[in-house]
C-alpha atoms as a PDB file:
ATOM      1  CA  MET A   1     -72.283 -80.187 -67.139  1.00  0.00           C
ATOM      2  CA  HIS A   2     -73.873 -78.339 -63.834  1.00  0.00           C
ATOM      3  CA  VAL A   3     -70.791 -77.151 -62.106  1.00  0.00           C
ATOM      4  CA  LEU A   4     -71.655 -79.094 -58.981  1.00  0.00           C
ATOM      5  CA  GLN A   5     -72.086 -82.284 -60.897  1.00  0.00           C
ATOM      6  CA  PRO A   6     -69.129 -84.832 -60.255  1.00  0.00           C
ATOM      7  CA  LYS A   7     -66.908 -85.753 -63.297  1.00  0.00           C
ATOM      8  CA  HIS A   8     -68.336 -88.785 -65.714  1.00  0.00           C
ATOM      9  CA  THR A   9     -65.626 -90.513 -67.928  1.00  0.00           C
ATOM     10  CA  LYS A  10     -66.189 -93.398 -69.742  1.00  0.00           C
ATOM     11  CA  LEU A  11     -62.894 -95.913 -69.078  1.00  0.00           C
ATOM     12  CA  LYS A  12     -61.539 -97.620 -72.098  1.00  0.00           C
ATOM     13  CA  GLN A  13     -61.689-101.689 -72.072  1.00  0.00           C
ATOM     14  CA  GLU A  14     -58.138-102.423 -70.888  1.00  0.00           C
ATOM     15  CA  GLU A  15     -58.793-100.051 -67.642  1.00  0.00           C
ATOM     16  CA  ALA A  16     -61.812-101.643 -67.084  1.00  0.00           C
ATOM     17  CA  THR A  17     -60.020-105.048 -67.558  1.00  0.00           C
ATOM     18  CA  LYS A  18     -57.326-103.818 -64.859  1.00  0.00           C
ATOM     19  CA  LEU A  19     -60.115-102.820 -62.277  1.00  0.00           C
ATOM     20  CA  VAL A  20     -62.207-105.563 -62.544  1.00  0.00           C
ATOM     21  CA  ALA A  21     -58.712-107.686 -61.796  1.00  0.00           C
ATOM     22  CA  LYS A  22     -57.336-105.130 -59.167  1.00  0.00           C
ATOM     23  CA  TYR A  23     -60.491-105.794 -56.928  1.00  0.00           C
ATOM     24  CA  ASN A  24     -61.104-109.415 -58.054  1.00  0.00           C
ATOM     25  CA  ILE A  25     -64.553-108.788 -59.097  1.00  0.00           C
ATOM     26  CA  SER A  26     -66.728-109.272 -61.877  1.00  0.00           C
ATOM     27  CA  LEU A  27     -68.388-106.479 -63.730  1.00  0.00           C
ATOM     28  CA  ALA A  28     -72.024-107.576 -62.553  1.00  0.00           C
ATOM     29  CA  GLN A  29     -70.868-106.798 -58.939  1.00  0.00           C
ATOM     30  CA  LEU A  30     -70.504-102.977 -59.995  1.00  0.00           C
ATOM     31  CA  PRO A  31     -72.764-100.616 -58.738  1.00  0.00           C
ATOM     32  CA  LYS A  32     -74.965-100.000 -61.911  1.00  0.00           C
ATOM     33  CA  ILE A  33     -75.953 -96.706 -63.792  1.00  0.00           C
ATOM     34  CA  SER A  34     -78.559 -96.415 -66.398  1.00  0.00           C
ATOM     35  CA  LYS A  35     -77.773 -96.023 -69.866  1.00  0.00           C
ATOM     36  CA  GLU A  36     -80.743 -92.922 -69.698  1.00  0.00           C
ATOM     37  CA  ASP A  37     -78.893 -91.033 -67.060  1.00  0.00           C
ATOM     38  CA  PRO A  38     -78.429 -87.810 -68.500  1.00  0.00           C
ATOM     39  CA  SER A  39     -75.170 -87.316 -66.543  1.00  0.00           C
ATOM     40  CA  ILE A  40     -73.441 -89.613 -69.155  1.00  0.00           C
ATOM     41  CA  PHE A  41     -75.553 -89.222 -72.223  1.00  0.00           C
ATOM     42  CA  GLU A  42     -72.675 -87.053 -74.172  1.00  0.00           C
ATOM     43  CA  LEU A  43     -70.274 -89.642 -73.570  1.00  0.00           C
ATOM     44  CA  ASN A  44     -71.891 -92.111 -76.059  1.00  0.00           C
ATOM     45  CA  VAL A  45     -71.930 -95.150 -73.844  1.00  0.00           C
ATOM     46  CA  GLN A  46     -72.850 -98.744 -74.865  1.00  0.00           C
ATOM     47  CA  LEU A  47     -74.127-101.480 -72.198  1.00  0.00           C
ATOM     48  CA  GLY A  48     -71.275-103.400 -70.154  1.00  0.00           C
ATOM     49  CA  ASP A  49     -69.270 -99.876 -70.346  1.00  0.00           C
ATOM     50  CA  VAL A  50     -67.529 -98.651 -67.227  1.00  0.00           C
ATOM     51  CA  ILE A  51     -67.992 -95.291 -65.791  1.00  0.00           C
ATOM     52  CA  LYS A  52     -65.654 -93.626 -63.583  1.00  0.00           C
ATOM     53  CA  ILE A  53     -67.440 -90.972 -61.275  1.00  0.00           C
ATOM     54  CA  GLU A  54     -64.938 -88.508 -59.413  1.00  0.00           C
ATOM     55  CA  ARG A  55     -66.357 -86.814 -56.328  1.00  0.00           C
ATOM     56  CA  LYS A  56     -64.182 -83.609 -54.828  1.00  0.00           C
ATOM     57  CA  THR A  57     -63.987 -83.850 -51.050  1.00  0.00           C
ATOM     58  CA  SER A  58     -62.675 -82.043 -48.304  1.00  0.00           C
ATOM     59  CA  ASP A  59     -58.932 -83.810 -48.357  1.00  0.00           C
ATOM     60  CA  GLY A  60     -58.790 -84.397 -52.971  1.00  0.00           C
ATOM     61  CA  SER A  61     -61.452 -86.878 -54.637  1.00  0.00           C
ATOM     62  CA  GLU A  62     -62.690 -89.981 -54.521  1.00  0.00           C
ATOM     63  CA  GLU A  63     -63.367 -92.282 -57.554  1.00  0.00           C
ATOM     64  CA  TYR A  64     -66.218 -94.305 -57.974  1.00  0.00           C
ATOM     65  CA  PHE A  65     -67.107 -96.931 -60.946  1.00  0.00           C
ATOM     66  CA  ARG A  66     -70.340 -98.132 -62.220  1.00  0.00           C
ATOM     67  CA  VAL A  67     -71.526-100.519 -65.082  1.00  0.00           C
ATOM     68  CA  VAL A  68     -73.823 -99.056 -67.698  1.00  0.00           C
ATOM     69  CA  VAL A  69     -76.969-101.083 -68.020  1.00  0.00           C
END
């Protein structure tokens, strides 16, 4: 991982379930990320997994979520 690349983490199934319940959405409504994306290669992802991306900002960090397609 490059120092400028945001941190990518695979959510556990129960964490993903809580996420979609919290925002009252389905997995299909999340933005997509390709299974072939080099940034998630070492996470051993499967189709439908949810990836949390932590980007650093001037006042801390922000979390973004993507579903693997």
